[in-house]
Amino acid sequence: MYISKWWGELIGGSDDSLALIDYLEQLDSTNVTLNQILENLGFDVLLSEGDLEKGGSIGFDIKNANGTFRAEIDIACSALIDLSAIVLESYKSGYVDLHDLDEARQPCKFYIDSSQEKRNLLRDELYKFSRNPLAYELAELVPADDMRDLAEKAKMIADELV
């Protein structure tokens, strides 16, 4: 997996990361667009407002045998970093396998079609985060050294989303 150098503890290691993978797992297609993902999760609204620092209400509906319920993603900036890494994986490898992201999942390969414009949008947000990570709500939960490490990794991912 191309993103294995980043995927693990700080990126891909949270409950929000698992919720993001849950969302991707329930998609009925092996070819999805980044735009569709951003809209479905509510990132499009947060990004259009230009402020992920405080987060916001994002999530998705999960359907199962008992009905439909809302899965919330609590820390938007962290989930956007995870999503950016997943988009990078698809961009560099040609696909993403959910089993590579979470070993508890069945192998399921899919491709995220991402335009240069949408990748630039992710890049810009990652650069913004990397310049001042302690301004984000995530800093209330994560030690400052880990936030700086996460910012460094976010910048590396952004650098590769060209």
N, C-alpha and C. Protein backbone atom coordinates (compact mmCIF):
# COMPACT_ATOMS: atom_id res chain seq x y z
N MET A 1 0.86 -1.17 0.00
CA MET A 1 0.00 0.00 0.00
C MET A 1 0.91 1.24 0.00
N TYR A 2 0.67 2.13 -0.92
CA TYR A 2 1.50 3.31 -1.08
C TYR A 2 1.50 4.19 0.18
N ILE A 3 0.36 4.33 0.82
CA ILE A 3 0.26 5.24 1.98
C ILE A 3 0.62 4.57 3.30
N SER A 4 1.15 3.36 3.27
CA SER A 4 1.46 2.64 4.51
C SER A 4 2.45 3.40 5.39
N LYS A 5 3.27 4.28 4.79
CA LYS A 5 4.22 5.05 5.58
C LYS A 5 3.52 6.05 6.50
N TRP A 6 2.26 6.38 6.20
CA TRP A 6 1.50 7.31 7.03
C TRP A 6 0.34 6.64 7.76
N TRP A 7 -0.25 5.62 7.14
CA TRP A 7 -1.47 5.02 7.64
C TRP A 7 -1.17 4.22 8.90
N GLY A 8 -1.91 4.47 9.96
CA GLY A 8 -1.69 3.74 11.20
C GLY A 8 -2.22 4.50 12.38
N GLU A 9 -1.33 5.01 13.20
CA GLU A 9 -1.75 5.62 14.46
C GLU A 9 -2.43 6.98 14.30
N LEU A 10 -1.72 7.98 13.81
CA LEU A 10 -2.28 9.33 13.72
C LEU A 10 -3.20 9.50 12.51
N ILE A 11 -2.90 8.82 11.44
CA ILE A 11 -3.72 8.86 10.23
C ILE A 11 -4.28 7.45 10.05
N GLY A 12 -5.59 7.34 10.03
CA GLY A 12 -6.21 6.03 9.85
C GLY A 12 -6.39 5.23 11.12
N GLY A 13 -6.12 5.82 12.27
CA GLY A 13 -6.19 5.06 13.51
C GLY A 13 -7.27 5.49 14.48
N SER A 14 -8.22 6.28 14.04
CA SER A 14 -9.25 6.79 14.97
C SER A 14 -10.62 6.16 14.68
N ASP A 15 -11.55 6.43 15.58
CA ASP A 15 -12.93 6.00 15.35
C ASP A 15 -13.50 6.67 14.10
N ASP A 16 -13.13 7.92 13.86
CA ASP A 16 -13.58 8.61 12.65
C ASP A 16 -13.01 7.95 11.39
N SER A 17 -11.77 7.45 11.50
CA SER A 17 -11.17 6.71 10.37
C SER A 17 -12.01 5.48 10.05
N LEU A 18 -12.40 4.77 11.08
CA LEU A 18 -13.23 3.57 10.87
C LEU A 18 -14.60 3.93 10.32
N ALA A 19 -15.16 5.05 10.76
CA ALA A 19 -16.44 5.50 10.22
C ALA A 19 -16.30 5.84 8.74
N LEU A 20 -15.20 6.47 8.38
CA LEU A 20 -14.94 6.79 6.97
C LEU A 20 -14.83 5.50 6.15
N ILE A 21 -14.17 4.50 6.67
CA ILE A 21 -14.06 3.22 5.98
C ILE A 21 -15.43 2.54 5.91
N ASP A 22 -16.23 2.66 6.97
CA ASP A 22 -17.62 2.15 6.93
C ASP A 22 -18.38 2.77 5.76
N TYR A 23 -18.23 4.09 5.61
CA TYR A 23 -18.91 4.79 4.52
C TYR A 23 -18.45 4.22 3.17
N LEU A 24 -17.15 4.10 2.99
CA LEU A 24 -16.63 3.60 1.72
C LEU A 24 -17.08 2.16 1.46
N GLU A 25 -17.18 1.37 2.52
CA GLU A 25 -17.59 -0.03 2.39
C GLU A 25 -19.03 -0.16 1.92
N GLN A 26 -19.88 0.76 2.31
CA GLN A 26 -21.30 0.64 1.95
C GLN A 26 -21.60 1.17 0.55
N LEU A 27 -20.63 1.80 -0.11
CA LEU A 27 -20.86 2.28 -1.48
C LEU A 27 -21.10 1.09 -2.40
N ASP A 28 -22.00 1.26 -3.33
CA ASP A 28 -22.37 0.16 -4.22
C ASP A 28 -21.55 0.13 -5.50
N SER A 29 -20.49 0.90 -5.56
CA SER A 29 -19.73 1.02 -6.79
C SER A 29 -18.25 0.79 -6.53
N THR A 30 -17.56 0.32 -7.55
CA THR A 30 -16.11 0.18 -7.45
C THR A 30 -15.41 1.40 -8.04
N ASN A 31 -16.20 2.36 -8.50
CA ASN A 31 -15.66 3.59 -9.06
C ASN A 31 -16.52 4.75 -8.55
N VAL A 32 -15.96 5.53 -7.64
CA VAL A 32 -16.69 6.66 -7.06
C VAL A 32 -15.90 7.94 -7.33
N THR A 33 -16.57 9.06 -7.24
CA THR A 33 -15.87 10.32 -7.43
C THR A 33 -15.60 10.97 -6.08
N LEU A 34 -14.51 11.69 -6.03
CA LEU A 34 -14.19 12.44 -4.82
C LEU A 34 -15.29 13.45 -4.53
N ASN A 35 -15.81 14.06 -5.56
CA ASN A 35 -16.90 15.03 -5.39
C ASN A 35 -18.10 14.38 -4.70
N GLN A 36 -18.45 13.17 -5.11
CA GLN A 36 -19.56 12.43 -4.50
C GLN A 36 -19.29 12.18 -3.02
N ILE A 37 -18.07 11.78 -2.69
CA ILE A 37 -17.71 11.51 -1.30
C ILE A 37 -17.81 12.80 -0.47
N LEU A 38 -17.25 13.88 -1.00
CA LEU A 38 -17.28 15.17 -0.27
C LEU A 38 -18.72 15.61 -0.01
N GLU A 39 -19.59 15.45 -1.01
CA GLU A 39 -21.00 15.83 -0.84
C GLU A 39 -21.72 14.91 0.13
N ASN A 40 -21.54 13.60 -0.02
CA ASN A 40 -22.25 12.64 0.83
C ASN A 40 -21.90 12.80 2.31
N LEU A 41 -20.65 13.13 2.60
CA LEU A 41 -20.22 13.25 3.99
C LEU A 41 -20.46 14.64 4.57
N GLY A 42 -20.68 15.63 3.71
CA GLY A 42 -20.89 17.00 4.17
C GLY A 42 -19.64 17.85 4.16
N PHE A 43 -18.55 17.32 3.64
CA PHE A 43 -17.32 18.10 3.54
C PHE A 43 -17.47 19.27 2.58
N ASP A 44 -18.30 19.10 1.55
CA ASP A 44 -18.47 20.17 0.56
C ASP A 44 -18.91 21.47 1.24
N VAL A 45 -19.83 21.36 2.20
CA VAL A 45 -20.33 22.54 2.91
C VAL A 45 -19.22 23.12 3.79
N LEU A 46 -18.55 22.27 4.56
CA LEU A 46 -17.48 22.77 5.44
C LEU A 46 -16.36 23.43 4.63
N LEU A 47 -16.00 22.83 3.52
CA LEU A 47 -14.91 23.37 2.70
C LEU A 47 -15.33 24.67 2.02
N SER A 48 -16.60 24.76 1.62
CA SER A 48 -17.06 26.00 0.99
C SER A 48 -17.08 27.15 1.99
N GLU A 49 -17.28 26.82 3.26
CA GLU A 49 -17.24 27.84 4.32
C GLU A 49 -15.80 28.19 4.67
N GLY A 50 -14.86 27.31 4.23
CA GLY A 50 -13.44 27.60 4.40
C GLY A 50 -12.91 27.48 5.81
N ASP A 51 -13.55 26.69 6.65
CA ASP A 51 -13.07 26.62 8.02
C ASP A 51 -13.31 25.24 8.63
N LEU A 52 -12.28 24.43 8.62
CA LEU A 52 -12.36 23.12 9.27
C LEU A 52 -11.86 23.17 10.71
N GLU A 53 -11.34 24.30 11.13
CA GLU A 53 -10.75 24.38 12.46
C GLU A 53 -11.73 23.98 13.56
N LYS A 54 -12.95 24.43 13.44
CA LYS A 54 -13.95 24.16 14.48
C LYS A 54 -14.75 22.90 14.16
N GLY A 55 -14.52 22.34 12.98
CA GLY A 55 -15.25 21.13 12.61
C GLY A 55 -16.63 21.47 12.12
N GLY A 56 -17.56 20.63 12.42
CA GLY A 56 -18.93 20.83 11.98
C GLY A 56 -19.63 19.50 11.93
N SER A 57 -20.86 19.52 11.52
CA SER A 57 -21.65 18.30 11.48
C SER A 57 -21.45 17.60 10.15
N ILE A 58 -20.72 16.51 10.19
CA ILE A 58 -20.56 15.69 8.99
C ILE A 58 -20.84 14.25 9.36
N GLY A 59 -21.22 13.49 8.38
CA GLY A 59 -21.52 12.09 8.60
C GLY A 59 -22.27 11.52 7.42
N PHE A 60 -22.88 10.37 7.65
CA PHE A 60 -23.57 9.68 6.57
C PHE A 60 -24.60 8.72 7.17
N ASP A 61 -25.53 8.30 6.34
CA ASP A 61 -26.54 7.33 6.77
C ASP A 61 -26.05 5.93 6.49
N ILE A 62 -26.23 5.06 7.47
CA ILE A 62 -25.90 3.63 7.33
C ILE A 62 -27.20 2.86 7.32
N LYS A 63 -27.34 2.00 6.34
CA LYS A 63 -28.53 1.15 6.25
C LYS A 63 -28.13 -0.28 6.61
N ASN A 64 -28.93 -0.87 7.49
CA ASN A 64 -28.73 -2.28 7.83
C ASN A 64 -30.09 -2.94 8.02
N ALA A 65 -30.09 -4.16 8.48
CA ALA A 65 -31.34 -4.92 8.63
C ALA A 65 -32.31 -4.26 9.61
N ASN A 66 -31.80 -3.48 10.55
CA ASN A 66 -32.63 -2.82 11.55
C ASN A 66 -33.11 -1.43 11.14
N GLY A 67 -32.73 -1.00 9.94
CA GLY A 67 -33.15 0.32 9.47
C GLY A 67 -31.96 1.19 9.11
N THR A 68 -32.18 2.48 9.20
CA THR A 68 -31.15 3.45 8.84
C THR A 68 -30.81 4.29 10.06
N PHE A 69 -29.52 4.53 10.26
CA PHE A 69 -29.10 5.42 11.33
C PHE A 69 -27.98 6.32 10.84
N ARG A 70 -27.79 7.41 11.52
CA ARG A 70 -26.79 8.41 11.14
C ARG A 70 -25.47 8.11 11.85
N ALA A 71 -24.40 8.00 11.08
CA ALA A 71 -23.05 7.85 11.64
C ALA A 71 -22.38 9.22 11.57
N GLU A 72 -22.01 9.72 12.71
CA GLU A 72 -21.38 11.04 12.79
C GLU A 72 -19.87 10.90 12.75
N ILE A 73 -19.24 11.84 12.09
CA ILE A 73 -17.79 11.96 12.11
C ILE A 73 -17.50 13.19 12.97
N ASP A 74 -16.81 12.96 14.08
CA ASP A 74 -16.66 13.99 15.10
C ASP A 74 -15.60 15.05 14.79
N ILE A 75 -14.47 14.64 14.27
CA ILE A 75 -13.36 15.57 14.04
C ILE A 75 -13.12 15.69 12.54
N ALA A 76 -13.68 16.71 11.95
CA ALA A 76 -13.66 16.86 10.49
C ALA A 76 -12.25 16.95 9.92
N CYS A 77 -11.36 17.70 10.57
CA CYS A 77 -10.02 17.87 10.00
C CYS A 77 -9.27 16.54 9.96
N SER A 78 -9.43 15.73 10.98
CA SER A 78 -8.78 14.43 11.01
C SER A 78 -9.34 13.51 9.92
N ALA A 79 -10.64 13.51 9.75
CA ALA A 79 -11.27 12.69 8.72
C ALA A 79 -10.87 13.16 7.33
N LEU A 80 -10.68 14.47 7.16
CA LEU A 80 -10.25 14.98 5.85
C LEU A 80 -8.81 14.55 5.55
N ILE A 81 -7.96 14.51 6.56
CA ILE A 81 -6.60 14.01 6.37
C ILE A 81 -6.65 12.54 5.98
N ASP A 82 -7.47 11.75 6.67
CA ASP A 82 -7.63 10.33 6.32
C ASP A 82 -8.12 10.19 4.88
N LEU A 83 -9.15 10.95 4.53
CA LEU A 83 -9.70 10.89 3.18
C LEU A 83 -8.64 11.28 2.16
N SER A 84 -7.86 12.29 2.44
CA SER A 84 -6.81 12.72 1.52
C SER A 84 -5.79 11.60 1.30
N ALA A 85 -5.43 10.89 2.36
CA ALA A 85 -4.51 9.77 2.22
C ALA A 85 -5.12 8.66 1.35
N ILE A 86 -6.40 8.40 1.54
CA ILE A 86 -7.09 7.37 0.76
C ILE A 86 -7.17 7.79 -0.71
N VAL A 87 -7.44 9.05 -0.96
CA VAL A 87 -7.46 9.57 -2.34
C VAL A 87 -6.07 9.43 -2.95
N LEU A 88 -5.04 9.74 -2.19
CA LEU A 88 -3.67 9.60 -2.68
C LEU A 88 -3.37 8.14 -3.02
N GLU A 89 -3.82 7.23 -2.18
CA GLU A 89 -3.63 5.79 -2.45
C GLU A 89 -4.26 5.42 -3.79
N SER A 90 -5.48 5.85 -4.00
CA SER A 90 -6.18 5.55 -5.26
C SER A 90 -5.46 6.19 -6.44
N TYR A 91 -5.00 7.41 -6.27
CA TYR A 91 -4.32 8.16 -7.32
C TYR A 91 -3.00 7.49 -7.71
N LYS A 92 -2.22 7.07 -6.72
CA LYS A 92 -0.90 6.49 -6.97
C LYS A 92 -0.97 5.01 -7.37
N SER A 93 -1.85 4.24 -6.74
CA SER A 93 -1.90 2.80 -6.98
C SER A 93 -2.95 2.39 -8.00
N GLY A 94 -3.89 3.28 -8.27
CA GLY A 94 -4.96 2.95 -9.20
C GLY A 94 -6.18 2.36 -8.53
N TYR A 95 -6.11 2.10 -7.23
CA TYR A 95 -7.24 1.57 -6.47
C TYR A 95 -6.93 1.68 -4.98
N VAL A 96 -7.96 1.46 -4.19
CA VAL A 96 -7.85 1.35 -2.74
C VAL A 96 -8.49 0.03 -2.36
N ASP A 97 -7.85 -0.71 -1.48
CA ASP A 97 -8.43 -1.95 -0.96
C ASP A 97 -8.79 -1.72 0.50
N LEU A 98 -10.07 -1.86 0.83
CA LEU A 98 -10.52 -1.62 2.21
C LEU A 98 -9.79 -2.51 3.22
N HIS A 99 -9.42 -3.70 2.80
CA HIS A 99 -8.68 -4.61 3.69
C HIS A 99 -7.31 -4.02 4.06
N ASP A 100 -6.71 -3.28 3.14
CA ASP A 100 -5.42 -2.64 3.45
C ASP A 100 -5.60 -1.52 4.47
N LEU A 101 -6.74 -0.85 4.43
CA LEU A 101 -7.02 0.24 5.37
C LEU A 101 -7.40 -0.27 6.75
N ASP A 102 -8.07 -1.41 6.79
CA ASP A 102 -8.53 -2.02 8.04
C ASP A 102 -8.56 -3.53 7.84
N GLU A 103 -7.65 -4.23 8.47
CA GLU A 103 -7.50 -5.67 8.26
C GLU A 103 -8.74 -6.47 8.63
N ALA A 104 -9.65 -5.87 9.40
CA ALA A 104 -10.88 -6.57 9.77
C ALA A 104 -11.88 -6.62 8.60
N ARG A 105 -11.61 -5.85 7.55
CA ARG A 105 -12.53 -5.78 6.39
C ARG A 105 -12.18 -6.86 5.38
N GLN A 106 -13.20 -7.25 4.62
CA GLN A 106 -12.98 -8.14 3.50
C GLN A 106 -12.28 -7.36 2.39
N PRO A 107 -11.46 -8.04 1.59
CA PRO A 107 -10.86 -7.33 0.45
C PRO A 107 -11.95 -6.74 -0.44
N CYS A 108 -11.81 -5.49 -0.76
CA CYS A 108 -12.76 -4.78 -1.62
C CYS A 108 -12.01 -3.62 -2.28
N LYS A 109 -11.74 -3.78 -3.57
CA LYS A 109 -10.98 -2.76 -4.29
C LYS A 109 -11.94 -1.81 -5.01
N PHE A 110 -11.61 -0.52 -4.93
CA PHE A 110 -12.37 0.48 -5.66
C PHE A 110 -11.45 1.63 -6.04
N TYR A 111 -11.91 2.45 -6.94
CA TYR A 111 -11.15 3.58 -7.45
C TYR A 111 -11.90 4.87 -7.13
N ILE A 112 -11.16 5.88 -6.69
CA ILE A 112 -11.75 7.19 -6.45
C ILE A 112 -11.30 8.12 -7.58
N ASP A 113 -12.24 8.52 -8.38
CA ASP A 113 -11.97 9.44 -9.48
C ASP A 113 -11.91 10.85 -8.91
N SER A 114 -10.72 11.43 -8.96
CA SER A 114 -10.54 12.76 -8.36
C SER A 114 -9.94 13.71 -9.39
N SER A 115 -10.64 14.78 -9.64
CA SER A 115 -10.14 15.78 -10.58
C SER A 115 -8.99 16.55 -9.93
N GLN A 116 -8.19 17.17 -10.76
CA GLN A 116 -7.09 17.99 -10.26
C GLN A 116 -7.63 19.10 -9.34
N GLU A 117 -8.77 19.66 -9.72
CA GLU A 117 -9.39 20.73 -8.92
C GLU A 117 -9.73 20.24 -7.51
N LYS A 118 -10.31 19.05 -7.41
CA LYS A 118 -10.69 18.52 -6.09
C LYS A 118 -9.46 18.10 -5.29
N ARG A 119 -8.45 17.54 -5.97
CA ARG A 119 -7.21 17.21 -5.25
C ARG A 119 -6.54 18.49 -4.74
N ASN A 120 -6.61 19.56 -5.53
CA ASN A 120 -6.06 20.85 -5.09
C ASN A 120 -6.81 21.37 -3.86
N LEU A 121 -8.11 21.16 -3.84
CA LEU A 121 -8.91 21.56 -2.68
C LEU A 121 -8.42 20.83 -1.42
N LEU A 122 -8.21 19.52 -1.53
CA LEU A 122 -7.67 18.76 -0.41
C LEU A 122 -6.27 19.26 -0.04
N ARG A 123 -5.43 19.45 -1.04
CA ARG A 123 -4.07 19.93 -0.80
C ARG A 123 -4.08 21.25 -0.04
N ASP A 124 -4.90 22.18 -0.48
CA ASP A 124 -4.96 23.49 0.17
C ASP A 124 -5.35 23.36 1.64
N GLU A 125 -6.33 22.51 1.92
CA GLU A 125 -6.76 22.31 3.31
C GLU A 125 -5.68 21.64 4.15
N LEU A 126 -4.95 20.70 3.56
CA LEU A 126 -3.87 20.04 4.29
C LEU A 126 -2.73 21.03 4.57
N TYR A 127 -2.41 21.87 3.59
CA TYR A 127 -1.38 22.89 3.82
C TYR A 127 -1.82 23.86 4.92
N LYS A 128 -3.07 24.26 4.88
CA LYS A 128 -3.60 25.16 5.91
C LYS A 128 -3.46 24.52 7.29
N PHE A 129 -3.83 23.24 7.39
CA PHE A 129 -3.69 22.51 8.66
C PHE A 129 -2.22 22.44 9.09
N SER A 130 -1.34 22.14 8.15
CA SER A 130 0.08 21.94 8.50
C SER A 130 0.74 23.23 9.00
N ARG A 131 0.24 24.38 8.58
CA ARG A 131 0.81 25.65 9.02
C ARG A 131 0.45 25.99 10.47
N ASN A 132 -0.72 25.54 10.94
CA ASN A 132 -1.14 25.90 12.29
C ASN A 132 -2.03 24.80 12.89
N PRO A 133 -1.48 23.62 13.11
CA PRO A 133 -2.30 22.51 13.59
C PRO A 133 -2.91 22.72 14.97
N LEU A 134 -2.28 23.52 15.79
CA LEU A 134 -2.77 23.71 17.16
C LEU A 134 -4.01 24.59 17.21
N ALA A 135 -4.39 25.20 16.09
CA ALA A 135 -5.60 26.02 16.03
C ALA A 135 -6.86 25.17 15.82
N TYR A 136 -6.70 23.89 15.53
CA TYR A 136 -7.83 23.02 15.23
C TYR A 136 -8.36 22.37 16.51
N GLU A 137 -9.66 22.06 16.50
CA GLU A 137 -10.29 21.45 17.67
C GLU A 137 -9.63 20.14 18.06
N LEU A 138 -9.04 19.47 17.12
CA LEU A 138 -8.35 18.21 17.40
C LEU A 138 -7.26 18.40 18.44
N ALA A 139 -6.65 19.58 18.48
CA ALA A 139 -5.56 19.87 19.42
C ALA A 139 -6.02 19.80 20.87
N GLU A 140 -7.32 19.90 21.11
CA GLU A 140 -7.85 19.77 22.47
C GLU A 140 -7.77 18.32 22.96
N LEU A 141 -7.66 17.38 22.02
CA LEU A 141 -7.67 15.95 22.35
C LEU A 141 -6.33 15.27 22.15
N VAL A 142 -5.45 15.89 21.38
CA VAL A 142 -4.19 15.26 20.98
C VAL A 142 -3.03 16.10 21.50
N PRO A 143 -2.01 15.46 22.07
CA PRO A 143 -0.85 16.22 22.56
C PRO A 143 -0.20 17.05 21.44
N ALA A 144 0.39 18.17 21.83
CA ALA A 144 0.98 19.12 20.86
C ALA A 144 2.03 18.46 19.97
N ASP A 145 2.87 17.59 20.53
CA ASP A 145 3.89 16.92 19.71
C ASP A 145 3.26 16.04 18.65
N ASP A 146 2.18 15.34 19.01
CA ASP A 146 1.48 14.51 18.04
C ASP A 146 0.80 15.37 16.97
N MET A 147 0.29 16.53 17.37
CA MET A 147 -0.32 17.44 16.39
C MET A 147 0.72 17.92 15.39
N ARG A 148 1.91 18.25 15.88
CA ARG A 148 2.97 18.69 14.97
C ARG A 148 3.39 17.54 14.04
N ASP A 149 3.45 16.33 14.56
CA ASP A 149 3.77 15.16 13.74
C ASP A 149 2.68 14.94 12.69
N LEU A 150 1.44 15.06 13.10
CA LEU A 150 0.32 14.92 12.16
C LEU A 150 0.39 16.00 11.08
N ALA A 151 0.73 17.22 11.47
CA ALA A 151 0.85 18.31 10.51
C ALA A 151 1.94 18.03 9.49
N GLU A 152 3.03 17.48 9.94
CA GLU A 152 4.13 17.13 9.03
C GLU A 152 3.69 16.05 8.03
N LYS A 153 2.98 15.06 8.53
CA LYS A 153 2.48 14.00 7.65
C LYS A 153 1.43 14.53 6.68
N ALA A 154 0.57 15.41 7.16
CA ALA A 154 -0.45 16.01 6.30
C ALA A 154 0.22 16.80 5.17
N LYS A 155 1.28 17.51 5.48
CA LYS A 155 2.01 18.26 4.46
C LYS A 155 2.63 17.32 3.43
N MET A 156 3.18 16.20 3.88
CA MET A 156 3.77 15.23 2.95
C MET A 156 2.70 14.66 2.00
N ILE A 157 1.54 14.37 2.55
CA ILE A 157 0.45 13.86 1.72
C ILE A 157 0.03 14.94 0.72
N ALA A 158 -0.09 16.18 1.19
CA ALA A 158 -0.46 17.28 0.31
C ALA A 158 0.54 17.45 -0.83
N ASP A 159 1.81 17.34 -0.50
CA ASP A 159 2.87 17.49 -1.51
C ASP A 159 2.71 16.46 -2.64
N GLU A 160 2.15 15.31 -2.33
CA GLU A 160 2.03 14.24 -3.32
C GLU A 160 0.68 14.24 -4.06
N LEU A 161 -0.24 15.06 -3.64
CA LEU A 161 -1.56 15.12 -4.29
C LEU A 161 -1.56 16.00 -5.54
N VAL A 162 -0.43 16.13 -6.18
CA VAL A 162 -0.29 17.00 -7.35
C VAL A 162 -1.04 16.43 -8.55
